[in-house]
Amino acid sequence: MKSSAIKENKVFRRLYHRGKSKAGASLVTYCMKNRRGETRVGITTSKKIGTAVERNRVIRAAFSQLEDGVTGWDLVFVARSRTTRVKMQVVLADMEKQLTALGVLSHEEHR
């Protein structure tokens, strides 16, 4: 299932304050179950870290590998300074570990 983008600031703020989070070397993940039955994804970071295109490309590519196993969640990925300097596989491994620890993915769904 294809995910849609989170664009509203209030949704980002709700996830930061009420969602669960996990931090890794290349990104931080915030998540919260939603009642929509669809997955919504937001990407954010400081302007000091590369361009939006560079940050988003790496994170979107990594999430596209896992997206089929995720349904009914709001997710925000916060890029860290390393995000644009490491290979997509590193970001993917971090993302997979975080989503599994947060209960968004189970091991069977994404293998």
C-alpha atoms as a PDB file:
ATOM      1  CA  MET A   1       0.000   0.000   0.000  1.00  0.00           C
ATOM      2  CA  LYS A   2       1.330   3.431  -0.949  1.00  0.00           C
ATOM      3  CA  SER A   3       1.751   5.925   1.871  1.00  0.00           C
ATOM      4  CA  SER A   4       0.690   9.560   1.762  1.00  0.00           C
ATOM      5  CA  ALA A   5       2.650  12.580   2.978  1.00  0.00           C
ATOM      6  CA  ILE A   6       2.141  14.406   6.264  1.00  0.00           C
ATOM      7  CA  LYS A   7       2.111  18.114   5.535  1.00  0.00           C
ATOM      8  CA  GLU A   8       0.288  19.714   8.467  1.00  0.00           C
ATOM      9  CA  ASN A   9       2.439  21.111  11.266  1.00  0.00           C
ATOM     10  CA  LYS A  10      -0.139  20.028  13.889  1.00  0.00           C
ATOM     11  CA  VAL A  11       0.330  16.358  12.888  1.00  0.00           C
ATOM     12  CA  PHE A  12       4.123  16.672  13.223  1.00  0.00           C
ATOM     13  CA  ARG A  13       3.706  18.330  16.636  1.00  0.00           C
ATOM     14  CA  ARG A  14       1.258  15.644  17.840  1.00  0.00           C
ATOM     15  CA  LEU A  15       3.739  12.911  16.902  1.00  0.00           C
ATOM     16  CA  TYR A  16       6.620  14.690  18.655  1.00  0.00           C
ATOM     17  CA  HIS A  17       4.618  15.100  21.861  1.00  0.00           C
ATOM     18  CA  ARG A  18       2.402  12.003  22.024  1.00  0.00           C
ATOM     19  CA  GLY A  19       4.032   9.481  19.699  1.00  0.00           C
ATOM     20  CA  LYS A  20       6.623   6.845  20.538  1.00  0.00           C
ATOM     21  CA  SER A  21      10.165   7.402  19.298  1.00  0.00           C
ATOM     22  CA  LYS A  22      13.462   5.637  18.718  1.00  0.00           C
ATOM     23  CA  ALA A  23      16.764   7.254  17.815  1.00  0.00           C
ATOM     24  CA  GLY A  24      19.570   5.801  15.742  1.00  0.00           C
ATOM     25  CA  ALA A  25      22.813   7.048  14.258  1.00  0.00           C
ATOM     26  CA  SER A  26      21.301   8.159  10.955  1.00  0.00           C
ATOM     27  CA  LEU A  27      17.717   9.038  11.872  1.00  0.00           C
ATOM     28  CA  VAL A  28      15.070   9.393  14.572  1.00  0.00           C
ATOM     29  CA  THR A  29      11.646   7.805  14.095  1.00  0.00           C
ATOM     30  CA  TYR A  30       8.401   8.979  15.687  1.00  0.00           C
ATOM     31  CA  CYS A  31       5.268   6.885  15.296  1.00  0.00           C
ATOM     32  CA  MET A  32       1.660   6.783  16.333  1.00  0.00           C
ATOM     33  CA  LYS A  33      -1.169   4.463  15.307  1.00  0.00           C
ATOM     34  CA  ASN A  34      -3.887   6.248  13.334  1.00  0.00           C
ATOM     35  CA  ARG A  35      -7.528   5.396  12.681  1.00  0.00           C
ATOM     36  CA  ARG A  36      -7.366   6.055   8.948  1.00  0.00           C
ATOM     37  CA  GLY A  37      -6.159   2.634   7.869  1.00  0.00           C
ATOM     38  CA  GLU A  38      -3.510   4.312   5.724  1.00  0.00           C
ATOM     39  CA  THR A  39       0.110   5.103   6.434  1.00  0.00           C
ATOM     40  CA  ARG A  40       1.204   8.728   6.437  1.00  0.00           C
ATOM     41  CA  VAL A  41       4.880   9.699   6.380  1.00  0.00           C
ATOM     42  CA  GLY A  42       6.624  12.973   7.157  1.00  0.00           C
ATOM     43  CA  ILE A  43      10.315  13.805   6.838  1.00  0.00           C
ATOM     44  CA  THR A  44      11.961  16.671   8.641  1.00  0.00           C
ATOM     45  CA  THR A  45      15.367  17.935   9.746  1.00  0.00           C
ATOM     46  CA  SER A  46      17.537  20.978  10.247  1.00  0.00           C
ATOM     47  CA  LYS A  47      18.408  23.025   7.164  1.00  0.00           C
ATOM     48  CA  LYS A  48      22.073  22.508   8.047  1.00  0.00           C
ATOM     49  CA  ILE A  49      21.874  18.914   6.808  1.00  0.00           C
ATOM     50  CA  GLY A  50      22.148  18.826   3.011  1.00  0.00           C
ATOM     51  CA  THR A  51      19.310  19.871   0.761  1.00  0.00           C
ATOM     52  CA  ALA A  52      15.725  18.687   1.178  1.00  0.00           C
ATOM     53  CA  VAL A  53      16.103  16.633  -1.984  1.00  0.00           C
ATOM     54  CA  GLU A  54      19.203  14.817  -0.650  1.00  0.00           C
ATOM     55  CA  ARG A  55      17.617  14.074   2.732  1.00  0.00           C
ATOM     56  CA  ASN A  56      14.262  13.005   1.388  1.00  0.00           C
ATOM     57  CA  ARG A  57      15.651  10.808  -1.383  1.00  0.00           C
ATOM     58  CA  VAL A  58      17.608   8.623   1.050  1.00  0.00           C
ATOM     59  CA  ILE A  59      14.775   8.339   3.580  1.00  0.00           C
ATOM     60  CA  ARG A  60      12.077   7.719   0.954  1.00  0.00           C
ATOM     61  CA  ALA A  61      14.209   5.059  -0.757  1.00  0.00           C
ATOM     62  CA  ALA A  62      14.734   3.270   2.556  1.00  0.00           C
ATOM     63  CA  PHE A  63      11.066   3.465   3.552  1.00  0.00           C
ATOM     64  CA  SER A  64       9.910   2.179   0.157  1.00  0.00           C
ATOM     65  CA  GLN A  65      11.647  -1.120   1.004  1.00  0.00           C
ATOM     66  CA  LEU A  66       9.572  -1.507   4.190  1.00  0.00           C
ATOM     67  CA  GLU A  67       6.340   0.244   3.275  1.00  0.00           C
ATOM     68  CA  ASP A  68       4.332  -2.884   2.382  1.00  0.00           C
ATOM     69  CA  GLY A  69       4.605  -4.129   5.970  1.00  0.00           C
ATOM     70  CA  VAL A  70       3.259  -0.882   7.471  1.00  0.00           C
ATOM     71  CA  THR A  71      -0.463  -0.052   7.594  1.00  0.00           C
ATOM     72  CA  GLY A  72      -2.366   2.462   9.699  1.00  0.00           C
ATOM     73  CA  TRP A  73       0.520   4.465  11.157  1.00  0.00           C
ATOM     74  CA  ASP A  74       1.616   8.095  11.156  1.00  0.00           C
ATOM     75  CA  LEU A  75       5.420   8.181  10.917  1.00  0.00           C
ATOM     76  CA  VAL A  76       7.877  11.060  11.068  1.00  0.00           C
ATOM     77  CA  PHE A  77      11.509  10.473  10.192  1.00  0.00           C
ATOM     78  CA  VAL A  78      13.994  13.097  11.393  1.00  0.00           C
ATOM     79  CA  ALA A  79      17.229  13.064   9.411  1.00  0.00           C
ATOM     80  CA  ARG A  80      20.453  13.436  11.356  1.00  0.00           C
ATOM     81  CA  SER A  81      23.719  14.919  10.129  1.00  0.00           C
ATOM     82  CA  ARG A  82      24.956  11.485   8.958  1.00  0.00           C
ATOM     83  CA  THR A  83      21.851  10.757   6.860  1.00  0.00           C
ATOM     84  CA  THR A  84      23.106  12.330   3.632  1.00  0.00           C
ATOM     85  CA  ARG A  85      26.624  10.920   4.078  1.00  0.00           C
ATOM     86  CA  VAL A  86      25.824   7.224   4.472  1.00  0.00           C
ATOM     87  CA  LYS A  87      24.534   4.646   2.018  1.00  0.00           C
ATOM     88  CA  MET A  88      20.796   4.034   1.800  1.00  0.00           C
ATOM     89  CA  GLN A  89      21.322   0.509   3.218  1.00  0.00           C
ATOM     90  CA  VAL A  90      22.612   2.027   6.474  1.00  0.00           C
ATOM     91  CA  VAL A  91      19.524   4.232   6.770  1.00  0.00           C
ATOM     92  CA  LEU A  92      17.333   1.232   5.864  1.00  0.00           C
ATOM     93  CA  ALA A  93      18.924  -0.913   8.600  1.00  0.00           C
ATOM     94  CA  ASP A  94      18.411   1.865  11.186  1.00  0.00           C
ATOM     95  CA  MET A  95      14.831   2.404  10.046  1.00  0.00           C
ATOM     96  CA  GLU A  96      14.009  -1.309  10.090  1.00  0.00           C
ATOM     97  CA  LYS A  97      15.469  -1.724  13.591  1.00  0.00           C
ATOM     98  CA  GLN A  98      13.543   1.292  14.907  1.00  0.00           C
ATOM     99  CA  LEU A  99      10.207   0.361  13.304  1.00  0.00           C
ATOM    100  CA  THR A 100      10.507  -3.189  14.658  1.00  0.00           C
ATOM    101  CA  ALA A 101      11.360  -1.939  18.176  1.00  0.00           C
ATOM    102  CA  LEU A 102       8.377   0.448  18.063  1.00  0.00           C
ATOM    103  CA  GLY A 103       6.012  -2.344  17.072  1.00  0.00           C
ATOM    104  CA  VAL A 104       5.271  -0.936  13.616  1.00  0.00           C
ATOM    105  CA  LEU A 105       6.911  -3.876  11.802  1.00  0.00           C
ATOM    106  CA  SER A 106       7.065  -7.501  12.842  1.00  0.00           C
ATOM    107  CA  HIS A 107       9.972  -9.675  11.664  1.00  0.00           C
ATOM    108  CA  GLU A 108       7.775 -11.807   9.403  1.00  0.00           C
ATOM    109  CA  GLU A 109       6.264  -8.858   7.525  1.00  0.00           C
ATOM    110  CA  HIS A 110       9.436  -7.484   5.980  1.00  0.00           C
ATOM    111  CA  ARG A 111      11.605 -10.516   5.359  1.00  0.00           C
END
